[in-house]
Structures are given as C-alpha cells and as structure tokens.
Amino acid sequence: MRGPKPQYPIQIVDNEIADMRQLVNSRNAPQGKVKRAKIILSAHEHPEWSNQDIAHAVGCSDRMVRKWRHRWSETKSLADLPRPGAPRRFSP
C-alpha cells in the first residue's frame, strides 16, 4: 500500500452498488462513466487501498482517482460537470 491514506472515504448504499455494478458490466455504457464507477466501487470495497493502488487496479492516474473520490463525496454523482463556452449556434 503506497501513498497516504485517502482524504475522502467512500460510503455507498446497496442500491447504488447494484446500479454501479450494472453500469460496469454494461456493453453500451460510456467508458468514462464505467471507469468512474470502477473507481468508486474499488474505493468502497477496499477502504485500506490508497489512491495509487486504486489507480493501478482500474488503469488510470491517481489524479483521476482523487478527483472522482472528491466529486462523489460532494455530489454522489458520476456525471460530468457542465462544460464552459458559448452555447451552440447550430444543432447537431
């Protein structure tokens, strides 16, 4: 176990765990959300793991793990924040 103890402990209820497991096993889910769900599930299932351990298991950077642990503790959501910029001028 490398690195300091995580600053944001993750607490998830049973129905959220079931939803995240379904998201991880889905073939049509966006891969960004799948990776976020894996991070949160790993943090919940292994509270003794550091952010570096979770990043190694999931296949991302420890910065991403810190970001999504913090965002989950604040919002309980895996969604992206709204992107900055001017509104679209043409429809897709």
N, C-alpha and C. Protein backbone atom coordinates (compact mmCIF):
# COMPACT_ATOMS: atom_id res chain seq x y z
N MET A 1 0.85 -1.18 0.00
CA MET A 1 0.00 0.00 0.00
C MET A 1 0.89 1.23 0.00
N ARG A 2 0.93 1.91 -1.14
CA ARG A 2 1.76 3.10 -1.28
C ARG A 2 0.93 4.34 -1.03
N GLY A 3 1.60 5.39 -0.65
CA GLY A 3 0.95 6.69 -0.53
C GLY A 3 0.18 6.88 0.76
N PRO A 4 -0.29 8.11 0.97
CA PRO A 4 -1.04 8.43 2.19
C PRO A 4 -2.45 7.86 2.14
N LYS A 5 -3.10 7.86 3.29
CA LYS A 5 -4.49 7.42 3.37
C LYS A 5 -5.36 8.39 2.59
N PRO A 6 -6.38 7.88 1.89
CA PRO A 6 -7.27 8.77 1.13
C PRO A 6 -8.00 9.75 2.04
N GLN A 7 -8.19 10.94 1.52
CA GLN A 7 -8.80 12.01 2.29
C GLN A 7 -10.32 11.88 2.34
N TYR A 8 -10.92 11.30 1.30
CA TYR A 8 -12.38 11.22 1.21
C TYR A 8 -12.83 9.77 1.28
N PRO A 9 -13.34 9.31 2.41
CA PRO A 9 -13.84 7.93 2.48
C PRO A 9 -15.13 7.80 1.68
N ILE A 10 -15.32 6.65 1.06
CA ILE A 10 -16.47 6.41 0.20
C ILE A 10 -17.47 5.52 0.92
N GLN A 11 -18.70 5.98 1.01
CA GLN A 11 -19.80 5.21 1.58
C GLN A 11 -20.89 5.09 0.53
N ILE A 12 -21.28 3.86 0.21
CA ILE A 12 -22.29 3.61 -0.81
C ILE A 12 -23.36 2.69 -0.22
N VAL A 13 -24.62 2.96 -0.56
CA VAL A 13 -25.71 2.09 -0.12
C VAL A 13 -25.91 0.97 -1.15
N ASP A 14 -26.67 -0.05 -0.77
CA ASP A 14 -26.80 -1.25 -1.59
C ASP A 14 -27.37 -1.00 -2.98
N ASN A 15 -28.37 -0.14 -3.08
CA ASN A 15 -28.94 0.09 -4.41
C ASN A 15 -27.97 0.82 -5.33
N GLU A 16 -27.10 1.69 -4.78
CA GLU A 16 -26.09 2.36 -5.59
C GLU A 16 -25.04 1.36 -6.06
N ILE A 17 -24.70 0.40 -5.20
CA ILE A 17 -23.74 -0.64 -5.58
C ILE A 17 -24.28 -1.45 -6.74
N ALA A 18 -25.55 -1.83 -6.65
CA ALA A 18 -26.17 -2.61 -7.73
C ALA A 18 -26.19 -1.82 -9.04
N ASP A 19 -26.51 -0.54 -8.97
CA ASP A 19 -26.53 0.30 -10.17
C ASP A 19 -25.13 0.43 -10.78
N MET A 20 -24.12 0.59 -9.94
CA MET A 20 -22.75 0.72 -10.45
C MET A 20 -22.25 -0.58 -11.05
N ARG A 21 -22.58 -1.70 -10.42
CA ARG A 21 -22.18 -3.00 -10.99
C ARG A 21 -22.84 -3.22 -12.35
N GLN A 22 -24.09 -2.82 -12.48
CA GLN A 22 -24.78 -2.94 -13.75
C GLN A 22 -24.12 -2.04 -14.80
N LEU A 23 -23.72 -0.85 -14.39
CA LEU A 23 -23.04 0.08 -15.30
C LEU A 23 -21.69 -0.49 -15.75
N VAL A 24 -20.94 -1.08 -14.82
CA VAL A 24 -19.63 -1.64 -15.15
C VAL A 24 -19.77 -2.81 -16.12
N ASN A 25 -20.81 -3.62 -15.96
CA ASN A 25 -20.99 -4.79 -16.82
C ASN A 25 -21.73 -4.48 -18.12
N SER A 26 -22.19 -3.26 -18.29
CA SER A 26 -22.93 -2.88 -19.49
C SER A 26 -21.98 -2.76 -20.68
N ARG A 27 -22.46 -3.18 -21.85
CA ARG A 27 -21.66 -3.07 -23.06
C ARG A 27 -21.88 -1.75 -23.79
N ASN A 28 -22.97 -1.08 -23.49
CA ASN A 28 -23.30 0.14 -24.21
C ASN A 28 -23.08 1.40 -23.39
N ALA A 29 -22.56 1.29 -22.20
CA ALA A 29 -22.37 2.46 -21.35
C ALA A 29 -21.13 3.25 -21.80
N PRO A 30 -21.14 4.55 -21.63
CA PRO A 30 -19.96 5.35 -21.95
C PRO A 30 -18.77 4.93 -21.08
N GLN A 31 -17.61 4.78 -21.69
CA GLN A 31 -16.46 4.25 -20.97
C GLN A 31 -15.96 5.18 -19.87
N GLY A 32 -16.22 6.47 -19.99
CA GLY A 32 -15.85 7.38 -18.90
C GLY A 32 -16.63 7.08 -17.64
N LYS A 33 -17.93 6.86 -17.79
CA LYS A 33 -18.75 6.54 -16.62
C LYS A 33 -18.39 5.18 -16.05
N VAL A 34 -18.03 4.23 -16.91
CA VAL A 34 -17.63 2.90 -16.44
C VAL A 34 -16.38 3.00 -15.58
N LYS A 35 -15.41 3.78 -16.03
CA LYS A 35 -14.16 3.94 -15.28
C LYS A 35 -14.43 4.63 -13.93
N ARG A 36 -15.31 5.62 -13.92
CA ARG A 36 -15.66 6.30 -12.68
C ARG A 36 -16.34 5.34 -11.71
N ALA A 37 -17.22 4.51 -12.23
CA ALA A 37 -17.91 3.53 -11.38
C ALA A 37 -16.91 2.53 -10.81
N LYS A 38 -15.94 2.11 -11.61
CA LYS A 38 -14.91 1.19 -11.11
C LYS A 38 -14.10 1.83 -9.99
N ILE A 39 -13.79 3.11 -10.14
CA ILE A 39 -13.02 3.83 -9.11
C ILE A 39 -13.81 3.86 -7.80
N ILE A 40 -15.08 4.24 -7.87
CA ILE A 40 -15.89 4.36 -6.66
C ILE A 40 -16.12 2.99 -6.03
N LEU A 41 -16.39 1.97 -6.84
CA LEU A 41 -16.58 0.62 -6.29
C LEU A 41 -15.31 0.10 -5.63
N SER A 42 -14.16 0.33 -6.26
CA SER A 42 -12.89 -0.11 -5.66
C SER A 42 -12.62 0.61 -4.35
N ALA A 43 -12.92 1.90 -4.31
CA ALA A 43 -12.71 2.66 -3.08
C ALA A 43 -13.63 2.19 -1.96
N HIS A 44 -14.84 1.77 -2.32
CA HIS A 44 -15.79 1.28 -1.31
C HIS A 44 -15.41 -0.13 -0.83
N GLU A 45 -15.06 -1.00 -1.77
CA GLU A 45 -14.76 -2.39 -1.42
C GLU A 45 -13.42 -2.55 -0.72
N HIS A 46 -12.48 -1.66 -0.98
CA HIS A 46 -11.13 -1.74 -0.40
C HIS A 46 -10.77 -0.42 0.27
N PRO A 47 -11.32 -0.13 1.43
CA PRO A 47 -11.03 1.16 2.07
C PRO A 47 -9.57 1.29 2.50
N GLU A 48 -8.84 0.18 2.60
CA GLU A 48 -7.44 0.25 3.01
C GLU A 48 -6.52 0.63 1.85
N TRP A 49 -7.01 0.57 0.61
CA TRP A 49 -6.20 0.91 -0.55
C TRP A 49 -5.99 2.42 -0.65
N SER A 50 -4.80 2.79 -1.10
CA SER A 50 -4.53 4.21 -1.36
C SER A 50 -5.03 4.56 -2.75
N ASN A 51 -5.00 5.83 -3.08
CA ASN A 51 -5.42 6.27 -4.41
C ASN A 51 -4.54 5.66 -5.50
N GLN A 52 -3.25 5.48 -5.22
CA GLN A 52 -2.34 4.88 -6.19
C GLN A 52 -2.70 3.43 -6.45
N ASP A 53 -3.08 2.70 -5.42
CA ASP A 53 -3.48 1.30 -5.58
C ASP A 53 -4.74 1.18 -6.44
N ILE A 54 -5.71 2.05 -6.18
CA ILE A 54 -6.95 2.04 -6.97
C ILE A 54 -6.64 2.41 -8.41
N ALA A 55 -5.79 3.40 -8.62
CA ALA A 55 -5.44 3.82 -9.98
C ALA A 55 -4.76 2.68 -10.74
N HIS A 56 -3.90 1.95 -10.07
CA HIS A 56 -3.23 0.82 -10.71
C HIS A 56 -4.22 -0.28 -11.06
N ALA A 57 -5.18 -0.56 -10.17
CA ALA A 57 -6.17 -1.60 -10.41
C ALA A 57 -7.14 -1.23 -11.53
N VAL A 58 -7.52 0.04 -11.60
CA VAL A 58 -8.51 0.49 -12.59
C VAL A 58 -7.84 0.79 -13.93
N GLY A 59 -6.59 1.27 -13.89
CA GLY A 59 -5.90 1.63 -15.12
C GLY A 59 -6.02 3.09 -15.46
N CYS A 60 -5.85 3.95 -14.47
CA CYS A 60 -5.91 5.39 -14.69
C CYS A 60 -4.87 6.06 -13.79
N SER A 61 -4.89 7.37 -13.74
CA SER A 61 -3.93 8.10 -12.90
C SER A 61 -4.50 8.29 -11.50
N ASP A 62 -3.61 8.50 -10.55
CA ASP A 62 -4.07 8.74 -9.18
C ASP A 62 -4.77 10.10 -9.08
N ARG A 63 -4.44 11.01 -9.97
CA ARG A 63 -5.12 12.31 -10.01
C ARG A 63 -6.60 12.13 -10.33
N MET A 64 -6.90 11.23 -11.27
CA MET A 64 -8.29 10.95 -11.62
C MET A 64 -9.03 10.31 -10.44
N VAL A 65 -8.35 9.43 -9.72
CA VAL A 65 -8.97 8.79 -8.55
C VAL A 65 -9.28 9.84 -7.50
N ARG A 66 -8.35 10.74 -7.22
CA ARG A 66 -8.59 11.80 -6.23
C ARG A 66 -9.77 12.67 -6.65
N LYS A 67 -9.81 13.02 -7.93
CA LYS A 67 -10.88 13.88 -8.44
C LYS A 67 -12.24 13.24 -8.24
N TRP A 68 -12.38 11.96 -8.62
CA TRP A 68 -13.69 11.33 -8.55
C TRP A 68 -14.07 10.91 -7.14
N ARG A 69 -13.11 10.64 -6.27
CA ARG A 69 -13.45 10.40 -4.85
C ARG A 69 -14.01 11.68 -4.24
N HIS A 70 -13.36 12.80 -4.55
CA HIS A 70 -13.82 14.09 -4.02
C HIS A 70 -15.19 14.44 -4.59
N ARG A 71 -15.36 14.28 -5.90
CA ARG A 71 -16.63 14.63 -6.51
C ARG A 71 -17.75 13.73 -6.00
N TRP A 72 -17.48 12.44 -5.78
CA TRP A 72 -18.51 11.53 -5.26
C TRP A 72 -18.90 11.94 -3.85
N SER A 73 -17.93 12.33 -3.03
CA SER A 73 -18.25 12.72 -1.65
C SER A 73 -19.09 13.99 -1.61
N GLU A 74 -18.97 14.85 -2.63
CA GLU A 74 -19.76 16.08 -2.66
C GLU A 74 -21.13 15.90 -3.31
N THR A 75 -21.18 15.22 -4.47
CA THR A 75 -22.41 15.22 -5.27
C THR A 75 -23.11 13.87 -5.35
N LYS A 76 -22.42 12.77 -5.03
CA LYS A 76 -22.98 11.41 -5.19
C LYS A 76 -23.41 11.16 -6.63
N SER A 77 -22.63 11.67 -7.58
CA SER A 77 -22.97 11.54 -9.00
C SER A 77 -21.71 11.20 -9.80
N LEU A 78 -21.90 10.44 -10.88
CA LEU A 78 -20.80 10.11 -11.78
C LEU A 78 -20.82 10.97 -13.04
N ALA A 79 -21.72 11.94 -13.08
CA ALA A 79 -21.88 12.78 -14.27
C ALA A 79 -20.79 13.84 -14.36
N ASP A 80 -20.50 14.24 -15.59
CA ASP A 80 -19.56 15.33 -15.82
C ASP A 80 -20.18 16.64 -15.39
N LEU A 81 -19.33 17.61 -15.09
CA LEU A 81 -19.80 18.96 -14.84
C LEU A 81 -20.10 19.62 -16.19
N PRO A 82 -20.95 20.63 -16.20
CA PRO A 82 -21.22 21.33 -17.47
C PRO A 82 -19.94 21.94 -18.03
N ARG A 83 -19.80 21.87 -19.33
CA ARG A 83 -18.60 22.39 -19.98
C ARG A 83 -18.75 23.89 -20.23
N PRO A 84 -17.66 24.63 -20.11
CA PRO A 84 -17.72 26.07 -20.35
C PRO A 84 -17.79 26.38 -21.84
N GLY A 85 -18.14 27.59 -22.14
CA GLY A 85 -18.13 28.03 -23.52
C GLY A 85 -19.48 28.57 -23.95
N ALA A 86 -19.49 29.11 -25.12
CA ALA A 86 -20.70 29.70 -25.68
C ALA A 86 -21.68 28.59 -26.06
N PRO A 87 -22.97 28.88 -26.03
CA PRO A 87 -23.94 27.87 -26.45
C PRO A 87 -23.79 27.58 -27.95
N ARG A 88 -24.26 26.42 -28.36
CA ARG A 88 -24.17 26.04 -29.76
C ARG A 88 -24.99 26.96 -30.65
N ARG A 89 -24.44 27.23 -31.82
CA ARG A 89 -25.16 28.06 -32.79
C ARG A 89 -25.94 27.21 -33.77
N PHE A 90 -25.44 26.00 -33.99
CA PHE A 90 -26.11 25.08 -34.90
C PHE A 90 -26.44 23.81 -34.16
N SER A 91 -27.55 23.22 -34.47
CA SER A 91 -27.94 21.98 -33.82
C SER A 91 -27.08 20.83 -34.36
N PRO A 92 -26.89 19.77 -33.59
CA PRO A 92 -26.08 18.65 -34.09
C PRO A 92 -26.81 17.96 -35.22
